[in-house]
């Protein structure tokens, strides 16, 4: 009788974690998701999976909790997607970013080496490691020159993964993923900010959208495609690091034009440039050469740039319309205070 494979996913409540959990379940895995203990737990992205996965409490800042999580879940594969992953926040909280995104990788690798060295390990590396690029497009051999504390932390996480593979013979790999988006992307990221802003403009909920550098270019793909590359890396015969991306670069301006065009709106009437959203140091032209992943893993992106933008705008329109309908149907609550009545305001549902 074949034993069901088990996987432990850190960062399971995030965009990538939710798509990866869906893929692993479809492949027949027993899925464990690692979460930090918090007074309020945000599980919106995996709410539809809660009856099919097991959540374990652990923290990338706490070595012993990682050991306990591995002993409880007994996985054959670990996917480390947990991190402080928002670049602007890394400038404001560089030390905390380093603790989670850099040193946290070492803690998890040490825990694997202690509990079960046969566990296969995936580390979520990032195109932000290339920063001020030395060549275009970027491959697995392009030198790193990160331009944010986040990029620096990811470079540490990448190299410590290589070090544990070479020093301790662990099956440990890094996926150097270029920007990947979806309707589950956090609202703080520029792509989701655009799709949400366009939806609000379309529904008359706002009249402008403030953005920073419209000329910044990225290689944008669909997160649902990219998690398959993660899984394929751990199914390979030998551990290897791979660049994952579409090979197409689009500017923020391109994303804006596609999103506004899909909604039938004119960006010239609504987009406002705000210097507050500019980075202290901008990365250069990021574009992936994913030849190795295509050749060795058989991986291909299945979602085009226009399809991705349309998907995100449509999802935000549906979310906001659903929230408005729920608000209209909800009874108005009242709060009694010192003999008076005042309406209680209902917060807009995040969907």
Protein backbone atom coordinates (compact mmCIF):
# COMPACT_ATOMS: atom_id res chain seq x y z
CA UNK A 1 0.00 0.00 0.00
CA UNK A 2 1.43 3.36 -1.05
CA UNK A 3 1.72 5.85 1.78
CA UNK A 4 0.09 9.23 1.21
CA UNK A 5 2.72 11.88 0.68
CA UNK A 6 2.82 14.71 3.20
CA UNK A 7 3.86 18.30 2.64
CA UNK A 8 4.42 21.15 5.08
CA UNK A 9 3.89 24.65 3.67
CA UNK A 10 5.04 27.77 5.49
CA UNK A 11 3.17 30.90 4.48
CA UNK A 12 0.13 28.81 3.56
CA UNK A 13 -2.25 31.72 4.17
CA UNK A 14 -0.55 33.82 1.50
CA UNK A 15 -1.18 34.00 -2.23
CA UNK A 16 1.34 31.32 -3.21
CA UNK A 17 0.57 29.12 -0.22
CA UNK A 18 -3.12 28.93 -1.08
CA UNK A 19 -2.50 27.98 -4.72
CA UNK A 20 0.19 25.48 -3.72
CA UNK A 21 -2.14 23.86 -1.17
CA UNK A 22 -4.77 23.41 -3.88
CA UNK A 23 -2.22 21.83 -6.22
CA UNK A 24 -0.85 19.48 -3.55
CA UNK A 25 -4.33 18.33 -2.58
CA UNK A 26 -5.11 17.66 -6.23
CA UNK A 27 -1.92 15.56 -6.40
CA UNK A 28 -3.08 13.46 -3.46
CA UNK A 29 -0.93 14.95 -0.68
CA UNK A 30 -1.82 15.31 2.96
CA UNK A 31 -1.18 19.03 3.46
CA UNK A 32 0.01 20.73 6.62
CA UNK A 33 0.14 24.51 6.79
CA UNK A 34 2.35 26.40 9.21
CA UNK A 35 0.91 29.49 10.87
CA UNK A 36 2.17 31.90 13.48
CA UNK A 37 0.14 32.23 16.64
CA UNK A 38 -1.85 35.45 16.53
CA UNK A 39 -4.85 36.93 18.34
CA UNK A 40 -6.66 37.07 15.00
CA UNK A 41 -6.00 34.57 12.25
CA UNK A 42 -6.33 35.60 8.60
CA UNK A 43 -7.30 32.51 6.62
CA UNK A 44 -9.36 34.13 3.85
CA UNK A 45 -7.30 32.67 1.02
CA UNK A 46 -7.51 29.10 2.37
CA UNK A 47 -10.95 29.24 3.95
CA UNK A 48 -12.30 26.87 1.29
CA UNK A 49 -9.56 24.36 2.17
CA UNK A 50 -9.76 24.32 5.97
CA UNK A 51 -11.61 21.02 6.12
CA UNK A 52 -8.95 19.37 3.93
CA UNK A 53 -5.69 20.62 5.45
CA UNK A 54 -4.10 20.59 8.90
CA UNK A 55 -2.77 23.80 10.42
CA UNK A 56 0.17 23.68 12.81
CA UNK A 57 1.48 26.56 14.89
CA UNK A 58 5.13 27.49 14.50
CA UNK A 59 7.26 30.55 13.85
CA UNK A 60 10.28 31.15 11.60
CA UNK A 61 11.74 33.15 14.50
CA UNK A 62 11.57 30.15 16.87
CA UNK A 63 13.85 27.17 16.17
CA UNK A 64 12.14 24.81 18.61
CA UNK A 65 8.66 25.44 17.20
CA UNK A 66 9.96 24.50 13.72
CA UNK A 67 11.34 21.22 15.04
CA UNK A 68 8.00 20.52 16.71
CA UNK A 69 6.10 21.31 13.49
CA UNK A 70 8.25 18.88 11.52
CA UNK A 71 7.85 16.17 14.13
CA UNK A 72 4.08 16.64 14.13
CA UNK A 73 3.57 16.74 10.35
CA UNK A 74 6.31 14.25 9.33
CA UNK A 75 6.49 15.65 5.80
CA UNK A 76 8.41 14.31 2.82
CA UNK A 77 8.44 17.82 1.33
CA UNK A 78 8.70 21.30 2.87
CA UNK A 79 7.86 24.45 0.92
CA UNK A 80 9.18 27.60 2.59
CA UNK A 81 6.97 30.43 1.35
CA UNK A 82 6.83 32.29 4.66
CA UNK A 83 8.57 35.68 4.67
CA UNK A 84 8.19 39.40 5.13
CA UNK A 85 7.61 39.82 1.42
CA UNK A 86 6.62 43.46 0.81
CA UNK A 87 9.59 45.44 -0.51
CA UNK A 88 8.57 48.90 0.87
CA UNK A 89 8.11 47.41 4.35
CA UNK A 90 11.64 45.98 4.16
CA UNK A 91 13.02 49.53 4.01
CA UNK A 92 11.05 50.47 7.13
CA UNK A 93 11.71 47.21 8.99
CA UNK A 94 15.01 45.87 7.63
CA UNK A 95 16.02 43.92 10.75
CA UNK A 96 12.66 42.15 11.08
CA UNK A 97 12.76 41.38 7.35
CA UNK A 98 16.20 39.82 7.81
CA UNK A 99 15.01 37.70 10.75
CA UNK A 100 12.05 36.23 8.85
CA UNK A 101 13.21 36.20 5.25
CA UNK A 102 16.91 35.41 5.74
CA UNK A 103 17.73 33.81 9.09
CA UNK A 104 14.35 32.07 9.18
CA UNK A 105 15.52 29.93 6.25
CA UNK A 106 18.54 28.79 8.24
CA UNK A 107 16.38 27.89 11.22
CA UNK A 108 14.11 25.79 9.01
CA UNK A 109 17.00 24.05 7.27
CA UNK A 110 18.61 23.28 10.63
CA UNK A 111 15.31 21.88 11.85
CA UNK A 112 15.09 19.61 8.79
CA UNK A 113 18.68 18.47 9.26
CA UNK A 114 17.89 17.64 12.88
CA UNK A 115 14.52 15.91 12.42
CA UNK A 116 14.79 14.19 9.02
CA UNK A 117 17.50 14.99 6.44
CA UNK A 118 15.58 13.04 3.78
CA UNK A 119 12.92 15.79 3.61
CA UNK A 120 12.98 17.64 0.30
CA UNK A 121 13.09 21.42 0.76
CA UNK A 122 11.91 24.24 -1.49
CA UNK A 123 13.03 27.82 -0.84
CA UNK A 124 11.11 30.72 -2.39
CA UNK A 125 13.82 32.91 -3.89
CA UNK A 126 13.01 36.08 -5.82
CA UNK A 127 13.94 38.06 -8.92
CA UNK A 128 14.47 41.00 -6.52
CA UNK A 129 17.86 39.40 -5.80
CA UNK A 130 19.06 40.54 -9.25
CA UNK A 131 18.30 44.20 -8.49
CA UNK A 132 20.72 46.28 -10.53
CA UNK A 133 20.96 43.67 -13.23
CA UNK A 134 24.25 42.66 -14.84
CA UNK A 135 22.59 41.12 -17.91
CA UNK A 136 19.17 40.88 -19.53
CA UNK A 137 17.39 38.49 -19.47
CA UNK A 138 18.41 36.91 -16.17
CA UNK A 139 19.33 33.23 -15.80
CA UNK A 140 20.36 30.99 -12.91
CA UNK A 141 23.94 32.21 -13.38
CA UNK A 142 23.27 35.96 -13.46
CA UNK A 143 25.05 37.65 -10.50
CA UNK A 144 22.89 39.15 -7.76
CA UNK A 145 22.88 42.85 -6.88
CA UNK A 146 19.82 43.35 -4.64
CA UNK A 147 18.57 46.90 -4.09
CA UNK A 148 16.32 46.49 -1.07
CA UNK A 149 16.59 44.86 2.37
CA UNK A 150 14.06 42.32 1.06
CA UNK A 151 16.26 41.47 -1.91
CA UNK A 152 19.32 41.17 0.33
CA UNK A 153 17.44 38.87 2.73
CA UNK A 154 16.24 36.70 -0.16
CA UNK A 155 19.82 36.43 -1.46
CA UNK A 156 20.91 35.16 1.96
CA UNK A 157 18.07 32.64 1.98
CA UNK A 158 19.05 31.50 -1.50
CA UNK A 159 22.72 31.01 -0.71
CA UNK A 160 22.13 29.31 2.64
CA UNK A 161 19.92 26.82 0.79
CA UNK A 162 22.76 26.15 -1.67
CA UNK A 163 25.15 25.81 1.27
CA UNK A 164 23.02 23.20 3.05
CA UNK A 165 22.63 21.27 -0.19
CA UNK A 166 26.38 21.18 -0.75
CA UNK A 167 27.44 20.80 2.88
CA UNK A 168 24.90 18.27 4.15
CA UNK A 169 23.67 16.62 0.95
CA UNK A 170 20.09 17.79 1.51
CA UNK A 171 17.64 17.84 -1.39
CA UNK A 172 17.29 21.60 -1.09
CA UNK A 173 16.37 23.82 -4.04
CA UNK A 174 15.48 27.44 -4.72
CA UNK A 175 12.99 28.74 -7.22
CA UNK A 176 14.02 32.20 -8.43
CA UNK A 177 10.50 33.33 -9.17
CA UNK A 178 9.81 36.52 -11.04
CA UNK A 179 6.74 38.60 -10.19
CA UNK A 180 3.62 36.46 -10.05
CA UNK A 181 0.18 37.87 -9.38
CA UNK A 182 -3.44 36.78 -8.95
CA UNK A 183 -6.75 37.89 -7.44
CA UNK A 184 -5.29 36.64 -4.14
CA UNK A 185 -2.40 39.11 -4.22
CA UNK A 186 -2.27 41.46 -1.23
CA UNK A 187 -3.86 44.87 -1.74
CA UNK A 188 -0.54 46.56 -0.91
CA UNK A 189 1.12 45.25 -4.09
CA UNK A 190 0.94 47.51 -7.13
CA UNK A 191 -0.82 45.04 -9.45
CA UNK A 192 -3.60 44.39 -6.96
CA UNK A 193 -3.73 48.07 -6.09
CA UNK A 194 -4.40 48.75 -9.77
CA UNK A 195 -7.04 46.02 -10.24
CA UNK A 196 -8.82 46.99 -7.01
CA UNK A 197 -8.59 50.69 -7.91
CA UNK A 198 -10.03 50.10 -11.39
CA UNK A 199 -12.89 48.09 -9.90
CA UNK A 200 -13.65 50.89 -7.43
CA UNK A 201 -13.55 53.47 -10.21
CA UNK A 202 -15.88 51.36 -12.34
CA UNK A 203 -18.37 51.05 -9.47
CA UNK A 204 -18.17 54.74 -8.57
CA UNK A 205 -16.56 54.10 -5.18
CA UNK A 206 -13.62 56.45 -5.86
CA UNK A 207 -12.53 58.91 -8.51
CA UNK A 208 -8.73 58.55 -8.61
CA UNK A 209 -5.89 56.05 -8.31
CA UNK A 210 -2.52 57.15 -6.92
CA UNK A 211 0.60 55.33 -8.17
CA UNK A 212 4.38 55.72 -8.18
CA UNK A 213 6.81 54.81 -10.95
CA UNK A 214 4.77 53.89 -14.04
CA UNK A 215 7.89 53.08 -16.06
CA UNK A 216 9.15 50.26 -13.79
CA UNK A 217 9.12 47.00 -15.75
CA UNK A 218 8.49 43.51 -14.45
CA UNK A 219 8.09 39.99 -15.80
CA UNK A 220 4.55 39.29 -14.54
CA UNK A 221 2.93 35.84 -14.53
CA UNK A 222 0.06 34.01 -12.83
CA UNK A 223 0.78 32.62 -9.36
CA UNK A 224 -1.26 29.50 -10.06
CA UNK A 225 1.20 28.60 -12.84
CA UNK A 226 4.26 29.29 -10.72
CA UNK A 227 3.38 27.00 -7.81
CA UNK A 228 3.42 24.08 -10.27
CA UNK A 229 7.06 24.94 -10.98
CA UNK A 230 7.74 24.74 -7.23
CA UNK A 231 6.22 21.28 -7.06
CA UNK A 232 8.06 20.08 -10.17
CA UNK A 233 11.40 21.12 -8.64
CA UNK A 234 10.87 18.72 -5.74
CA UNK A 235 9.88 15.87 -8.07
CA UNK A 236 13.15 16.06 -10.03
CA UNK A 237 15.84 13.40 -9.75
CA UNK A 238 18.52 15.89 -8.71
CA UNK A 239 18.26 19.14 -6.74
CA UNK A 240 18.73 22.23 -8.89
CA UNK A 241 17.83 25.92 -8.71
CA UNK A 242 15.57 27.33 -11.41
CA UNK A 243 14.52 30.73 -12.75
CA UNK A 244 10.75 30.86 -13.27
CA UNK A 245 9.12 33.57 -15.37
CA UNK A 246 7.33 34.30 -18.63
CA UNK A 247 10.21 35.95 -20.50
CA UNK A 248 8.01 38.98 -21.23
CA UNK A 249 8.47 42.36 -19.56
CA UNK A 250 5.64 44.84 -19.05
CA UNK A 251 5.72 48.23 -17.36
CA UNK A 252 3.38 49.38 -14.62
CA UNK A 253 1.96 51.69 -17.29
CA UNK A 254 1.18 48.64 -19.45
CA UNK A 255 -0.63 47.03 -16.53
CA UNK A 256 -2.61 50.23 -15.92
CA UNK A 257 -3.59 50.52 -19.59
CA UNK A 258 -4.67 46.87 -19.75
CA UNK A 259 -6.70 47.09 -16.54
CA UNK A 260 -8.42 50.36 -17.43
CA UNK A 261 -9.03 49.14 -20.97
CA UNK A 262 -10.66 45.94 -19.73
CA UNK A 263 -13.04 48.02 -17.60
CA UNK A 264 -13.72 50.53 -20.37
CA UNK A 265 -12.11 53.42 -18.48
CA UNK A 266 -9.56 56.10 -19.43
CA UNK A 267 -6.48 56.12 -17.13
CA UNK A 268 -5.67 59.73 -18.10
CA UNK A 269 -8.79 60.84 -16.23
CA UNK A 270 -8.09 58.99 -13.00
CA UNK A 271 -4.40 58.12 -12.43
CA UNK A 272 -2.38 60.47 -10.22
CA UNK A 273 1.38 60.17 -9.69
CA UNK A 274 2.45 60.31 -6.05
CA UNK A 275 6.19 60.48 -5.17
CA UNK A 276 5.40 58.83 -1.83
CA UNK A 277 5.10 55.53 -3.68
CA UNK A 278 8.58 55.69 -5.23
CA UNK A 279 11.24 53.28 -3.93
CA UNK A 280 14.47 54.63 -2.40
CA UNK A 281 16.30 52.44 -4.95
CA UNK A 282 14.51 51.00 -7.98
CA UNK A 283 15.45 47.71 -9.58
CA UNK A 284 16.30 47.65 -13.26
CA UNK A 285 14.90 45.67 -16.15
CA UNK A 286 13.81 42.32 -14.71
CA UNK A 287 13.00 39.65 -17.29
CA UNK A 288 13.38 35.89 -16.89
CA UNK A 289 15.16 33.38 -19.05
CA UNK A 290 13.36 30.24 -17.86
CA UNK A 291 14.98 27.96 -20.46
CA UNK A 292 16.27 25.55 -17.81
CA UNK A 293 12.83 25.15 -16.19
CA UNK A 294 11.19 24.66 -19.56
CA UNK A 295 13.79 22.13 -20.67
CA UNK A 296 14.42 20.13 -17.49
CA UNK A 297 11.07 20.41 -15.71
CA UNK A 298 8.76 20.69 -18.70
CA UNK A 299 7.23 23.79 -17.12
CA UNK A 300 5.39 26.40 -19.18
CA UNK A 301 3.25 29.36 -18.11
CA UNK A 302 -0.35 28.91 -19.22
CA UNK A 303 -1.75 32.38 -18.51
CA UNK A 304 -0.97 35.39 -20.72
CA UNK A 305 -0.43 38.93 -19.44
CA UNK A 306 -3.80 40.22 -20.77
CA UNK A 307 -5.57 37.19 -19.28
CA UNK A 308 -3.92 37.82 -15.90
CA UNK A 309 -4.92 41.50 -15.81
CA UNK A 310 -8.50 40.74 -16.87
CA UNK A 311 -8.77 37.96 -14.27
CA UNK A 312 -7.68 40.30 -11.47
CA UNK A 313 -9.99 43.17 -12.48
CA UNK A 314 -12.98 40.84 -12.85
CA UNK A 315 -12.31 39.25 -9.45
CA UNK A 316 -12.15 42.63 -7.71
CA UNK A 317 -15.33 43.79 -9.44
CA UNK A 318 -17.11 40.66 -8.27
CA UNK A 319 -15.73 41.02 -4.72
CA UNK A 320 -16.79 44.65 -4.36
CA UNK A 321 -20.22 44.08 -5.91
CA UNK A 322 -20.77 41.14 -3.55
CA UNK A 323 -19.72 43.27 -0.57
CA UNK A 324 -22.13 46.03 -1.62
CA UNK A 325 -25.02 43.59 -1.95
CA UNK A 326 -24.27 42.07 1.44
CA UNK A 327 -24.18 45.54 2.99
CA UNK A 328 -27.53 46.43 1.44
CA UNK A 329 -29.16 43.27 2.81
CA UNK A 330 -27.65 43.51 6.28
CA UNK A 331 -29.94 44.92 9.01
CA UNK A 332 -28.80 48.18 10.57
CA UNK A 333 -27.53 47.54 14.08
CA UNK A 334 -27.94 50.09 16.83
CA UNK A 335 -25.76 50.79 19.82
CA UNK A 336 -27.37 52.07 23.02
CA UNK A 337 -25.21 54.61 24.80
CA UNK A 338 -26.46 56.77 27.72
CA UNK A 339 -30.06 56.52 26.55
CA UNK A 340 -29.25 57.51 22.97
CA UNK A 341 -29.20 55.50 19.75
CA UNK A 342 -26.55 55.78 17.07
CA UNK A 343 -26.05 53.74 13.88
CA UNK A 344 -23.22 51.24 13.91
CA UNK A 345 -21.09 51.39 10.81
CA UNK A 346 -20.38 48.12 9.06
CA UNK A 347 -16.87 47.75 7.63
CA UNK A 348 -16.64 46.83 3.99
CA UNK A 349 -16.07 43.12 3.49
CA UNK A 350 -12.70 42.25 2.04
CA UNK A 351 -14.18 39.35 0.11
